[in-house]
Amino acid sequence: MNDRQRYDRATADLEPPFAILDLEALRANAASMVRRAAGKPIRVASKSVRCRAVLRQVLDMDGFSGVMAFTLPEALWLASEGFADILVAYPTADRAALATLAGDPGAAGQITIMVDSPEHLDVIDKAVEGVASRQEIRVCLDIDTAFIALAGRLRAGVLRSPIREPGQAEEFAAEIAKRPGFRLVGLMAYEAQIAGVGDRMPGPYGRAVRWMQGRSQRELIVRRGRVVAAVRRVADLEFVNGGGTGSVEKTIREKAITEVAAGSGFYHPRLFDFYRGFSGRPAALFALPVVRRPASGVVTVLGGGYLASGPADAARLPQPYLPAGLRYDAREGAGEVQTPLIGRAAHDLRVGDRVWFRHAKAGELCERFDTLHLIEGDRVVGTVPTYRGEGRTFL
């Protein structure tokens, strides 16, 4: 029985649109990440999961430890639900959430927030100045890892922290150490240009990506190590985090790194098909019903415009996955309410049939669906709420 037959049989009693999670594929993807990490713990990126039940299941597996959250309100919620060792990967200016953190000994002991400038410390101090019995705030220093070449004319990587060099990091670490109410416990240096950009692309573009990534990795091994050594002269770091799903086996080679982060690899969305170092199994999918046959070789499904964040290009569209042989009409793309699909497979589809899609990214799928139906073989073995299903929409 092929995957399409399994999924159709398992969900025969469900009315699309809906989303599923293939548990066998999830476990295989998790095991693959653990092998690639070669003994270093993997912190689970919640933005790529967005489902408490799945987060718990993954954290119960060997090799995974801690959560990388995306907002402070999310981290406070997870802490209240029993999750521990939560790193908020992005700075926050949420005054109410900061006040809650500073006033809650349990949350303050489990949550670490991100900083990269004295302004962040000022915002935190102002937000918590009225809190009685203010708790010490655990902070993590974010480092810029972008690759810069050709006298600054080439930059590959995301625009994140203004701190790049060892001297800058040590200076800011010293300032944190002098400020009452803060404790520097971690350092994060995420190499998006390696972890988030596939290197298995044909032609000149693929060669350029591989050249850039090789140069970037060699530069980063030296600079990241020096940054960590400089910060450790000031602070007793509990962790140094780096990497992502696309770079696990590369990042763990650095002695300075104590843990890696990963999240997208559990669901293995479309954008992660383009890496030479690993392969995964699509685990999270959504089904849309065929509602029209407007012409020969054309079917229309309900909904479908679930575009991923990032550059506005075709790679951010969901992938019509099963049956194989479907594609978008170039003039319409994926629609808000309906999506026409063309291709050889359209000839055999009838009104009421299902088309299975993969999202381009991982957790963003869960912002569209309030439940995930858990699949084992050809059966639904459970249904769990996503963040949206629990009424939690953090971004």
Protein backbone atom coordinates (compact mmCIF):
# COMPACT_ATOMS: atom_id res chain seq x y z
CA MET A 1 0.00 0.00 0.00
CA ASN A 2 1.49 3.36 -0.99
CA ASP A 3 1.38 6.51 1.13
CA ARG A 4 -1.58 8.02 -0.67
CA GLN A 5 -3.61 4.86 -0.16
CA ARG A 6 -2.61 4.70 3.51
CA TYR A 7 -3.56 8.30 4.16
CA ASP A 8 -6.84 8.07 2.25
CA ARG A 9 -7.81 4.91 4.12
CA ALA A 10 -6.81 6.26 7.53
CA THR A 11 -8.79 9.47 7.08
CA ALA A 12 -11.78 8.16 5.14
CA ASP A 13 -14.17 9.37 7.85
CA LEU A 14 -12.70 12.88 8.06
CA GLU A 15 -13.88 15.84 6.01
CA PRO A 16 -11.08 17.90 4.44
CA PRO A 17 -9.43 20.35 4.81
CA PHE A 18 -7.42 18.78 7.64
CA ALA A 19 -3.81 18.09 8.58
CA ILE A 20 -2.08 14.84 9.52
CA LEU A 21 1.18 13.80 11.12
CA ASP A 22 2.70 10.47 10.10
CA LEU A 23 4.22 9.22 13.36
CA GLU A 24 6.49 6.64 11.73
CA ALA A 25 8.00 9.35 9.52
CA LEU A 26 8.32 11.70 12.51
CA ARG A 27 10.24 9.08 14.51
CA ALA A 28 12.49 8.26 11.55
CA ASN A 29 13.30 11.94 11.05
CA ALA A 30 14.04 12.41 14.75
CA ALA A 31 16.33 9.37 14.80
CA SER A 32 18.18 10.70 11.77
CA MET A 33 18.80 14.03 13.51
CA VAL A 34 20.12 12.27 16.61
CA ARG A 35 22.56 10.27 14.48
CA ARG A 36 23.74 13.44 12.79
CA ALA A 37 24.22 15.17 16.16
CA ALA A 38 26.66 12.43 17.24
CA GLY A 39 26.01 12.71 20.94
CA LYS A 40 25.46 16.45 21.31
CA PRO A 41 21.99 17.33 22.62
CA ILE A 42 19.41 18.82 20.26
CA ARG A 43 17.28 21.69 21.52
CA VAL A 44 13.81 21.49 19.92
CA ALA A 45 12.71 24.60 18.01
CA SER A 46 9.05 25.01 18.92
CA LYS A 47 8.23 27.39 16.06
CA SER A 48 8.72 24.44 13.70
CA VAL A 49 6.41 22.17 15.73
CA ARG A 50 3.67 24.36 17.29
CA CYS A 51 1.95 21.47 19.00
CA ARG A 52 2.42 20.70 22.70
CA ALA A 53 1.75 16.99 22.33
CA VAL A 54 4.36 16.62 19.60
CA LEU A 55 6.87 18.68 21.58
CA ARG A 56 6.43 16.31 24.53
CA GLN A 57 6.76 13.25 22.33
CA VAL A 58 10.01 14.48 20.79
CA LEU A 59 11.49 15.56 24.13
CA ASP A 60 10.79 12.09 25.51
CA MET A 61 13.13 10.65 22.85
CA ASP A 62 16.82 10.17 23.60
CA GLY A 63 19.02 12.92 22.21
CA PHE A 64 16.66 15.87 22.68
CA SER A 65 16.84 18.34 25.56
CA GLY A 66 15.29 21.75 26.06
CA VAL A 67 13.03 23.97 23.98
CA MET A 68 13.89 26.88 21.71
CA ALA A 69 10.77 29.06 21.87
CA PHE A 70 9.96 31.97 19.58
CA THR A 71 8.18 34.41 21.93
CA LEU A 72 8.27 35.07 25.64
CA PRO A 73 4.48 34.61 26.07
CA GLU A 74 4.87 31.19 24.44
CA ALA A 75 7.74 30.34 26.79
CA LEU A 76 5.71 31.39 29.84
CA TRP A 77 2.84 29.19 28.69
CA LEU A 78 5.11 26.21 28.08
CA ALA A 79 6.74 26.68 31.48
CA SER A 80 3.30 26.75 33.12
CA GLU A 81 2.58 23.43 31.39
CA GLY A 82 5.68 21.77 32.81
CA PHE A 83 8.25 22.30 30.07
CA ALA A 84 11.77 23.09 31.29
CA ASP A 85 14.96 24.72 29.98
CA ILE A 86 13.30 27.10 27.54
CA LEU A 87 15.42 29.46 25.45
CA VAL A 88 13.53 32.30 23.74
CA ALA A 89 15.45 32.61 20.48
CA TYR A 90 14.43 36.18 19.64
CA PRO A 91 14.54 39.40 21.71
CA THR A 92 11.36 40.61 23.31
CA ALA A 93 9.90 44.03 24.08
CA ASP A 94 6.72 42.59 25.63
CA ARG A 95 6.46 44.57 28.89
CA ALA A 96 3.67 42.50 30.38
CA ALA A 97 5.43 39.22 29.67
CA LEU A 98 8.71 40.55 31.07
CA ALA A 99 6.96 41.63 34.27
CA THR A 100 5.38 38.18 34.57
CA LEU A 101 8.75 36.51 34.09
CA ALA A 102 10.45 38.69 36.67
CA GLY A 103 7.73 38.01 39.23
CA ASP A 104 7.54 34.23 38.81
CA PRO A 105 10.40 32.26 40.43
CA GLY A 106 9.46 29.05 38.62
CA ALA A 107 9.37 30.63 35.16
CA ALA A 108 12.48 32.72 35.80
CA GLY A 109 14.40 29.57 36.68
CA GLN A 110 13.42 27.80 33.43
CA ILE A 111 13.35 30.58 30.81
CA THR A 112 16.30 32.33 29.18
CA ILE A 113 15.68 35.38 26.98
CA MET A 114 17.76 36.74 24.10
CA VAL A 115 19.73 39.99 24.14
CA ASP A 116 22.23 41.60 21.81
CA SER A 117 22.51 45.21 23.00
CA PRO A 118 22.39 47.35 26.17
CA GLU A 119 19.05 48.68 24.90
CA HIS A 120 17.53 45.27 25.55
CA LEU A 121 18.69 45.42 29.16
CA ASP A 122 17.22 48.91 29.51
CA VAL A 123 13.85 47.76 28.14
CA ILE A 124 13.80 44.83 30.56
CA ASP A 125 14.73 47.00 33.55
CA LYS A 126 11.98 49.48 32.73
CA ALA A 127 9.37 46.76 32.22
CA VAL A 128 10.05 45.09 35.58
CA GLU A 129 10.79 48.11 37.76
CA GLY A 130 7.50 47.80 39.61
CA VAL A 131 7.78 44.05 40.25
CA ALA A 132 8.09 43.08 43.90
CA SER A 133 10.80 40.51 44.65
CA ARG A 134 12.19 40.73 41.14
CA GLN A 135 13.75 37.47 40.04
CA GLU A 136 17.12 37.30 38.32
CA ILE A 137 16.64 37.30 34.54
CA ARG A 138 18.58 34.65 32.64
CA VAL A 139 19.88 36.01 29.33
CA CYS A 140 21.57 34.61 26.24
CA LEU A 141 23.85 36.61 23.97
CA ASP A 142 23.02 36.45 20.24
CA ILE A 143 25.94 36.65 17.79
CA ASP A 144 25.88 37.57 14.11
CA THR A 145 27.14 34.65 12.00
CA ALA A 146 26.61 36.03 8.50
CA PHE A 147 29.28 35.41 5.87
CA ILE A 148 30.78 38.65 4.58
CA ALA A 149 33.20 38.75 1.65
CA LEU A 150 34.45 40.96 -1.19
CA ALA A 151 35.07 43.92 1.12
CA GLY A 152 31.51 43.81 2.38
CA ARG A 153 29.85 43.67 -1.05
CA LEU A 154 28.72 40.07 -0.41
CA ARG A 155 26.70 39.19 2.66
CA ALA A 156 25.05 35.81 3.10
CA GLY A 157 22.99 35.26 6.22
CA VAL A 158 20.21 36.89 8.17
CA LEU A 159 20.25 40.38 9.65
CA ARG A 160 20.21 39.64 13.36
CA SER A 161 22.61 40.69 16.08
CA PRO A 162 24.91 43.74 15.82
CA ILE A 163 27.53 41.77 17.78
CA ARG A 164 29.95 39.99 15.53
CA GLU A 165 33.53 40.06 16.83
CA PRO A 166 35.06 38.61 20.04
CA GLY A 167 35.83 42.05 21.47
CA GLN A 168 32.24 43.24 21.01
CA ALA A 169 30.89 40.10 22.64
CA GLU A 170 33.24 40.32 25.61
CA GLU A 171 32.45 44.00 26.14
CA PHE A 172 28.70 43.38 26.20
CA ALA A 173 29.11 40.30 28.40
CA ALA A 174 31.01 42.47 30.88
CA GLU A 175 28.20 45.02 30.85
CA ILE A 176 25.65 42.30 31.58
CA ALA A 177 27.79 41.09 34.48
CA LYS A 178 27.77 44.58 35.99
CA ARG A 179 24.01 45.03 35.73
CA PRO A 180 22.10 43.80 38.79
CA GLY A 181 19.21 41.46 38.09
CA PHE A 182 20.75 39.72 35.07
CA ARG A 183 22.79 36.57 34.59
CA LEU A 184 24.42 35.65 31.29
CA VAL A 185 24.01 31.89 30.92
CA GLY A 186 24.19 31.20 27.20
CA LEU A 187 25.39 32.20 23.76
CA MET A 188 23.61 31.58 20.48
CA ALA A 189 25.12 31.83 17.00
CA TYR A 190 22.75 30.58 14.30
CA GLU A 191 24.27 30.20 10.82
CA ALA A 192 21.13 30.61 8.69
CA GLN A 193 23.11 30.71 5.45
CA ILE A 194 24.17 27.11 6.09
CA ALA A 195 21.37 25.65 8.19
CA GLY A 196 18.51 27.20 6.24
CA VAL A 197 19.72 27.15 2.64
CA GLY A 198 19.71 23.88 0.71
CA ASP A 199 22.95 23.00 -1.10
CA ARG A 200 21.55 20.33 -3.44
CA MET A 201 20.59 22.67 -6.26
CA PRO A 202 21.66 22.24 -9.89
CA GLY A 203 23.63 24.63 -12.03
CA PRO A 204 25.51 27.83 -11.21
CA TYR A 205 23.24 28.72 -8.28
CA GLY A 206 23.94 25.42 -6.54
CA ARG A 207 27.69 25.79 -7.09
CA ALA A 208 27.57 29.33 -5.69
CA VAL A 209 25.68 28.15 -2.59
CA ARG A 210 28.16 25.36 -1.95
CA TRP A 211 31.10 27.73 -2.39
CA MET A 212 29.56 30.25 -0.01
CA GLN A 213 28.69 27.64 2.60
CA GLY A 214 32.17 26.11 2.54
CA ARG A 215 33.84 29.49 2.99
CA SER A 216 31.32 30.53 5.62
CA GLN A 217 31.80 27.39 7.65
CA ARG A 218 35.58 27.73 7.69
CA GLU A 219 35.35 31.38 8.74
CA LEU A 220 32.73 30.66 11.38
CA ILE A 221 34.64 27.81 13.02
CA VAL A 222 37.42 30.24 13.87
CA ARG A 223 35.33 33.31 14.74
CA ARG A 224 32.66 31.50 16.74
CA GLY A 225 35.34 29.74 18.76
CA ARG A 226 37.04 33.06 19.53
CA VAL A 227 33.74 34.69 20.47
CA VAL A 228 32.90 31.87 22.88
CA ALA A 229 36.38 32.01 24.46
CA ALA A 230 36.07 35.77 24.91
CA VAL A 231 32.65 35.55 26.57
CA ARG A 232 33.76 32.70 28.83
CA ARG A 233 36.41 35.04 30.27
CA VAL A 234 33.52 37.03 31.70
CA ALA A 235 30.65 34.56 32.23
CA ASP A 236 30.24 30.91 33.16
CA LEU A 237 28.16 29.82 30.18
CA GLU A 238 25.77 26.91 30.62
CA PHE A 239 25.33 26.38 26.86
CA VAL A 240 26.54 27.50 23.44
CA ASN A 241 23.87 26.93 20.81
CA GLY A 242 24.25 26.86 17.04
CA GLY A 243 22.98 25.30 13.88
CA GLY A 244 19.63 24.11 12.64
CA THR A 245 18.09 21.16 10.86
CA GLY A 246 20.13 21.79 7.71
CA SER A 247 23.52 22.00 9.44
CA VAL A 248 23.43 19.60 12.39
CA GLU A 249 26.30 17.35 11.26
CA LYS A 250 28.43 20.39 10.39
CA THR A 251 27.81 22.47 13.50
CA ILE A 252 28.51 19.67 16.00
CA ARG A 253 32.12 19.44 14.75
CA GLU A 254 32.97 22.69 16.56
CA LYS A 255 34.32 22.19 20.06
CA ALA A 256 32.84 25.50 21.18
CA ILE A 257 29.29 24.27 20.47
CA THR A 258 27.60 22.42 23.35
CA GLU A 259 24.19 21.91 21.69
CA VAL A 260 22.45 22.30 18.35
CA ALA A 261 18.92 23.38 17.55
CA ALA A 262 16.51 21.68 15.17
CA GLY A 263 12.81 21.71 14.45
CA SER A 264 11.88 21.63 10.78
CA GLY A 265 13.43 18.19 10.37
CA PHE A 266 10.67 16.54 12.38
CA TYR A 267 7.97 17.43 9.83
CA HIS A 268 10.40 17.66 6.87
CA PRO A 269 8.62 20.31 4.80
CA ARG A 270 9.33 21.00 1.15
CA LEU A 271 12.21 23.45 1.66
CA PHE A 272 14.25 20.71 3.30
CA ASP A 273 14.33 18.48 0.24
CA PHE A 274 17.37 20.30 -1.09
CA TYR A 275 20.25 19.23 1.15
CA ARG A 276 23.07 16.90 0.19
CA GLY A 277 23.99 15.90 3.76
CA PHE A 278 20.70 14.27 4.75
CA SER A 279 17.26 13.24 3.57
CA GLY A 280 14.02 12.95 5.46
CA ARG A 281 10.48 11.70 5.10
CA PRO A 282 7.54 14.07 4.71
CA ALA A 283 5.66 13.69 8.00
CA ALA A 284 3.20 16.60 8.13
CA LEU A 285 0.68 16.96 5.30
CA PHE A 286 -2.66 18.57 4.68
CA ALA A 287 -5.54 17.35 2.54
CA LEU A 288 -7.78 19.52 0.38
CA PRO A 289 -10.91 18.30 -1.43
CA VAL A 290 -11.44 18.49 -5.16
CA VAL A 291 -14.54 20.65 -5.65
CA ARG A 292 -14.47 21.42 -9.39
CA ARG A 293 -13.32 20.10 -12.77
CA PRO A 294 -13.42 23.32 -14.82
CA ALA A 295 -11.75 21.83 -17.91
CA SER A 296 -10.03 18.74 -19.18
CA GLY A 297 -6.84 18.18 -17.23
CA VAL A 298 -7.77 20.71 -14.55
CA VAL A 299 -9.18 20.26 -11.05
CA THR A 300 -9.91 22.85 -8.40
CA VAL A 301 -9.38 22.23 -4.70
CA LEU A 302 -10.88 24.19 -1.82
CA GLY A 303 -8.43 26.63 -0.22
CA GLY A 304 -4.70 26.14 -0.53
CA GLY A 305 -3.14 29.59 -0.25
CA TYR A 306 -0.98 28.67 2.72
CA LEU A 307 2.18 30.52 1.75
CA ALA A 308 5.32 30.28 3.85
CA SER A 309 7.21 33.24 5.26
CA GLY A 310 10.41 34.47 3.66
CA PRO A 311 11.22 35.87 0.21
CA ALA A 312 8.13 36.14 -1.98
CA ASP A 313 8.97 33.45 -4.52
CA ALA A 314 7.58 30.17 -5.82
CA ALA A 315 9.53 28.17 -3.25
CA ARG A 316 7.15 29.50 -0.56
CA LEU A 317 4.12 27.81 -2.13
CA PRO A 318 2.82 24.52 -0.73
CA GLN A 319 3.68 21.49 -2.85
CA PRO A 320 0.85 19.43 -4.42
CA TYR A 321 2.31 16.11 -3.31
CA LEU A 322 -0.09 13.21 -3.77
CA PRO A 323 -1.09 12.14 -6.30
CA ALA A 324 2.15 12.97 -8.08
CA GLY A 325 1.95 14.94 -11.29
CA LEU A 326 0.02 18.03 -10.23
CA ARG A 327 1.17 21.64 -10.49
CA TYR A 328 -0.19 25.16 -10.15
CA ASP A 329 -1.57 27.28 -12.91
CA ALA A 330 1.08 30.00 -13.28
CA ARG A 331 -1.54 32.74 -13.52
CA GLU A 332 -3.36 31.79 -10.30
CA GLY A 333 -0.95 29.99 -7.98
CA ALA A 334 -2.37 28.93 -4.60
CA GLY A 335 -5.64 30.70 -3.89
CA GLU A 336 -7.28 32.06 -0.76
CA VAL A 337 -10.49 30.08 -1.32
CA GLN A 338 -9.78 27.84 -4.28
CA THR A 339 -6.74 26.57 -6.14
CA PRO A 340 -6.76 25.15 -9.69
CA LEU A 341 -4.27 22.36 -10.34
CA ILE A 342 -3.14 21.05 -13.69
CA GLY A 343 -1.08 18.09 -14.84
CA ARG A 344 -1.44 14.46 -15.81
CA ALA A 345 -2.86 13.38 -12.43
CA ALA A 346 -5.76 15.82 -12.79
CA HIS A 347 -7.35 13.60 -15.47
CA ASP A 348 -8.06 10.86 -12.91
CA LEU A 349 -9.34 13.03 -10.04
CA ARG A 350 -13.04 13.46 -9.41
CA VAL A 351 -15.08 15.83 -7.27
CA GLY A 352 -14.74 14.67 -3.67
CA ASP A 353 -11.25 13.17 -4.10
CA ARG A 354 -8.38 14.47 -2.00
CA VAL A 355 -5.12 16.10 -2.92
CA TRP A 356 -2.35 15.89 -0.32
CA PHE A 357 -0.04 18.88 0.08
CA ARG A 358 3.22 19.62 1.88
CA HIS A 359 3.80 23.06 3.34
CA ALA A 360 7.02 24.79 2.30
CA LYS A 361 7.95 25.30 5.97
CA ALA A 362 7.20 23.30 9.09
CA GLY A 363 5.30 24.88 11.98
CA GLU A 364 3.46 27.44 9.90
CA LEU A 365 1.16 24.65 8.79
CA CYS A 366 -0.21 24.57 12.35
CA GLU A 367 -1.34 28.18 12.09
CA ARG A 368 -3.89 26.98 9.51
CA PHE A 369 -5.23 23.90 11.33
CA ASP A 370 -6.43 23.50 14.89
CA THR A 371 -5.67 19.76 15.11
CA LEU A 372 -3.20 17.22 13.82
CA HIS A 373 -4.54 13.72 13.15
CA LEU A 374 -1.85 11.22 14.12
CA ILE A 375 -1.33 8.40 11.62
CA GLU A 376 0.15 4.95 12.32
CA GLY A 377 0.14 2.81 9.19
CA ASP A 378 -3.35 3.17 7.76
CA ARG A 379 -5.10 4.24 10.98
CA VAL A 380 -5.70 7.48 12.87
CA VAL A 381 -4.47 6.69 16.38
CA GLY A 382 -5.10 10.09 17.95
CA THR A 383 -5.95 13.72 17.38
CA VAL A 384 -4.05 16.48 19.17
CA PRO A 385 -4.52 20.25 19.19
CA THR A 386 -2.02 22.57 17.61
CA TYR A 387 -1.15 25.88 19.28
CA ARG A 388 -4.05 27.37 17.31
CA GLY A 389 -6.33 24.62 18.57
CA GLU A 390 -5.46 25.60 22.13
CA GLY A 391 -6.26 29.22 21.40
CA ARG A 392 -2.58 30.20 21.35
CA THR A 393 -1.61 32.43 18.46
CA PHE A 394 1.67 34.00 19.52
CA LEU A 395 2.59 35.55 16.17
